[in-house]
C-alpha atoms as a PDB file:
ATOM      1  CA  MET A   1      -6.338   6.714  15.960  1.00  0.00           C
ATOM      2  CA  GLU A   2      -9.901   5.569  14.743  1.00  0.00           C
ATOM      3  CA  VAL A   3     -10.784   2.032  13.838  1.00  0.00           C
ATOM      4  CA  GLU A   4     -13.902   1.640  12.444  1.00  0.00           C
ATOM      5  CA  SER A   5     -15.976  -1.616  11.249  1.00  0.00           C
ATOM      6  CA  ARG A   6     -16.757  -1.792   7.605  1.00  0.00           C
ATOM      7  CA  GLU A   7     -20.295  -3.584   8.706  1.00  0.00           C
ATOM      8  CA  GLU A   8     -21.951  -0.514  10.012  1.00  0.00           C
ATOM      9  CA  PRO A   9     -25.514  -0.125   9.106  1.00  0.00           C
ATOM     10  CA  GLY A  10     -25.951   1.831   5.755  1.00  0.00           C
ATOM     11  CA  ARG A  11     -22.604  -0.234   4.297  1.00  0.00           C
ATOM     12  CA  GLN A  12     -22.890  -2.999   1.965  1.00  0.00           C
ATOM     13  CA  PRO A  13     -22.103  -6.498   3.604  1.00  0.00           C
ATOM     14  CA  LEU A  14     -19.638  -7.337   0.811  1.00  0.00           C
ATOM     15  CA  HIS A  15     -16.867  -7.040   3.559  1.00  0.00           C
ATOM     16  CA  GLY A  16     -17.757  -8.827   6.361  1.00  0.00           C
ATOM     17  CA  GLY A  17     -15.126  -9.086   8.584  1.00  0.00           C
ATOM     18  CA  TRP A  18     -13.134  -6.226   7.606  1.00  0.00           C
ATOM     19  CA  ALA A  19     -12.344  -2.988   9.736  1.00  0.00           C
ATOM     20  CA  ASP A  20     -10.997   0.412   8.599  1.00  0.00           C
ATOM     21  CA  ILE A  21      -8.045   2.074  10.258  1.00  0.00           C
ATOM     22  CA  GLY A  22      -8.113   5.858  10.090  1.00  0.00           C
ATOM     23  CA  ASN A  23      -6.135   9.075  11.644  1.00  0.00           C
ATOM     24  CA  LEU A  24      -3.379   6.835  13.142  1.00  0.00           C
ATOM     25  CA  HIS A  25      -0.468   9.393  14.129  1.00  0.00           C
ATOM     26  CA  VAL A  26       2.684   9.437  16.689  1.00  0.00           C
ATOM     27  CA  VAL A  27       4.218  12.497  17.447  1.00  0.00           C
ATOM     28  CA  GLU A  28       7.629  12.328  16.244  1.00  0.00           C
ATOM     29  CA  ALA A  29       9.467  12.246  19.717  1.00  0.00           C
ATOM     30  CA  TYR A  30       7.613   8.655  20.093  1.00  0.00           C
ATOM     31  CA  ARG A  31       8.550   7.170  16.287  1.00  0.00           C
ATOM     32  CA  ARG A  32      10.847   4.034  16.143  1.00  0.00           C
ATOM     33  CA  LYS A  33       9.909   3.432  20.196  1.00  0.00           C
ATOM     34  CA  ARG A  34       7.436   0.793  19.200  1.00  0.00           C
ATOM     35  CA  VAL A  35       4.570   3.056  19.793  1.00  0.00           C
ATOM     36  CA  GLY A  36       2.774   2.411  16.573  1.00  0.00           C
ATOM     37  CA  THR A  37       3.386  -1.212  17.125  1.00  0.00           C
ATOM     38  CA  TYR A  38       1.691  -1.187  20.260  1.00  0.00           C
ATOM     39  CA  LEU A  39      -1.306   0.911  18.903  1.00  0.00           C
ATOM     40  CA  ILE A  40      -2.291  -1.287  16.413  1.00  0.00           C
ATOM     41  CA  GLY A  41      -1.748  -4.997  18.686  1.00  0.00           C
ATOM     42  CA  GLN A  42      -4.354  -2.646  20.654  1.00  0.00           C
ATOM     43  CA  ALA A  43      -6.285  -2.534  17.490  1.00  0.00           C
ATOM     44  CA  ALA A  44      -6.283  -5.715  16.420  1.00  0.00           C
ATOM     45  CA  ASP A  45      -6.845  -7.135  20.035  1.00  0.00           C
ATOM     46  CA  TRP A  46     -10.360  -5.498  20.178  1.00  0.00           C
ATOM     47  CA  LEU A  47     -11.039  -6.251  16.376  1.00  0.00           C
ATOM     48  CA  ASP A  48     -10.230 -10.249  17.182  1.00  0.00           C
ATOM     49  CA  LEU A  49     -12.961  -9.589  20.222  1.00  0.00           C
ATOM     50  CA  ALA A  50     -15.626  -8.204  17.661  1.00  0.00           C
ATOM     51  CA  ARG A  51     -14.913 -11.254  15.121  1.00  0.00           C
ATOM     52  CA  LEU A  52     -13.252  -8.784  12.713  1.00  0.00           C
ATOM     53  CA  ASP A  53     -10.343 -10.476  11.052  1.00  0.00           C
ATOM     54  CA  ARG A  54      -9.246  -8.091   7.954  1.00  0.00           C
ATOM     55  CA  VAL A  55      -7.828  -4.596   8.859  1.00  0.00           C
ATOM     56  CA  LEU A  56      -7.397  -2.082   5.749  1.00  0.00           C
ATOM     57  CA  ASP A  57      -5.398   1.215   5.780  1.00  0.00           C
ATOM     58  CA  TYR A  58      -4.386   3.186   3.649  1.00  0.00           C
ATOM     59  CA  ALA A  59      -1.339   5.052   2.450  1.00  0.00           C
ATOM     60  CA  TRP A  60      -0.502   7.916  -0.216  1.00  0.00           C
ATOM     61  CA  ALA A  61       1.756   7.357  -2.582  1.00  0.00           C
ATOM     62  CA  GLU A  62       4.757   9.871  -0.978  1.00  0.00           C
ATOM     63  CA  GLU A  63       4.132   8.362   2.205  1.00  0.00           C
ATOM     64  CA  HIS A  64       6.986   6.302   2.258  1.00  0.00           C
ATOM     65  CA  ALA A  65       7.407   5.505   5.897  1.00  0.00           C
ATOM     66  CA  TYR A  66       4.224   5.201   6.796  1.00  0.00           C
ATOM     67  CA  ASP A  67       4.141   3.013   3.725  1.00  0.00           C
ATOM     68  CA  ALA A  68       6.943   0.998   5.276  1.00  0.00           C
ATOM     69  CA  PHE A  69       5.917   1.075   8.857  1.00  0.00           C
ATOM     70  CA  LEU A  70       2.643  -0.796   7.660  1.00  0.00           C
ATOM     71  CA  ARG A  71       4.441  -3.491   5.795  1.00  0.00           C
ATOM     72  CA  ALA A  72       6.889  -3.713   9.106  1.00  0.00           C
ATOM     73  CA  VAL A  73       3.207  -4.441  11.271  1.00  0.00           C
ATOM     74  CA  GLY A  74       1.859  -7.049   8.699  1.00  0.00           C
ATOM     75  CA  PHE A  75       0.187  -5.317   6.286  1.00  0.00           C
ATOM     76  CA  GLN A  76       0.596  -6.073   2.406  1.00  0.00           C
ATOM     77  CA  SER A  77      -0.656  -4.138  -0.758  1.00  0.00           C
ATOM     78  CA  LEU A  78      -4.107  -4.847  -1.651  1.00  0.00           C
ATOM     79  CA  THR A  79      -4.597  -2.485  -4.092  1.00  0.00           C
ATOM     80  CA  SER A  80      -3.674   1.048  -5.504  1.00  0.00           C
ATOM     81  CA  THR A  81      -5.635   3.634  -7.319  1.00  0.00           C
ATOM     82  CA  GLU A  82      -4.833   7.135  -8.562  1.00  0.00           C
ATOM     83  CA  ARG A  83      -7.222   9.785  -7.242  1.00  0.00           C
ATOM     84  CA  GLY A  84      -7.415  13.509  -7.998  1.00  0.00           C
ATOM     85  CA  TRP A  85      -8.534  16.133 -10.607  1.00  0.00           C
ATOM     86  CA  ARG A  86      -7.077  15.243 -14.045  1.00  0.00           C
ATOM     87  CA  ARG A  87      -6.972  19.139 -15.061  1.00  0.00           C
ATOM     88  CA  THR A  88      -2.629  18.624 -16.049  1.00  0.00           C
ATOM     89  CA  PRO A  89      -1.137  15.520 -17.126  1.00  0.00           C
ATOM     90  CA  ASN A  90       0.778  15.489 -13.360  1.00  0.00           C
ATOM     91  CA  SER A  91      -2.315  16.591 -11.178  1.00  0.00           C
ATOM     92  CA  THR A  92      -3.226  12.933 -10.150  1.00  0.00           C
ATOM     93  CA  VAL A  93      -2.289  11.525  -6.960  1.00  0.00           C
ATOM     94  CA  GLN A  94      -2.091   7.790  -6.313  1.00  0.00           C
ATOM     95  CA  ALA A  95      -3.019   5.968  -2.843  1.00  0.00           C
ATOM     96  CA  ILE A  96      -2.023   2.312  -2.128  1.00  0.00           C
ATOM     97  CA  ALA A  97      -4.571   0.691   0.045  1.00  0.00           C
ATOM     98  CA  LEU A  98      -3.040  -1.574   2.587  1.00  0.00           C
ATOM     99  CA  THR A  99      -4.699  -4.962   4.737  1.00  0.00           C
ATOM    100  CA  ALA A 100      -3.582  -6.972   7.259  1.00  0.00           C
ATOM    101  CA  SER A 101      -4.911 -10.283   9.229  1.00  0.00           C
ATOM    102  CA  VAL A 102      -5.683 -10.051  12.625  1.00  0.00           C
ATOM    103  CA  GLU A 103      -4.038 -13.056  13.750  1.00  0.00           C
ATOM    104  CA  ARG A 104      -3.766 -13.613  17.532  1.00  0.00           C
END
């Protein structure tokens, strides 16, 4: 799991207090045992220390289980976008950005 501040040098300061989560993956054998929830909680604690109070994560439209997990741990839909090449009418992919507040 990676957690990255949106306030790094070179980024626009439009998102003060925001961070991104990336590469959160729990091995199949450990899913539904609160490991992912624990990792999100640990990230939230560290982000709170850094005074970052908003967290973003992203789920592809077909990632129904991951989307459900993010919502279960407190994320809500912020926006959705279509991505992909438009070579044919069926070639686009939709991604959903989700956000959560760090409340401790």
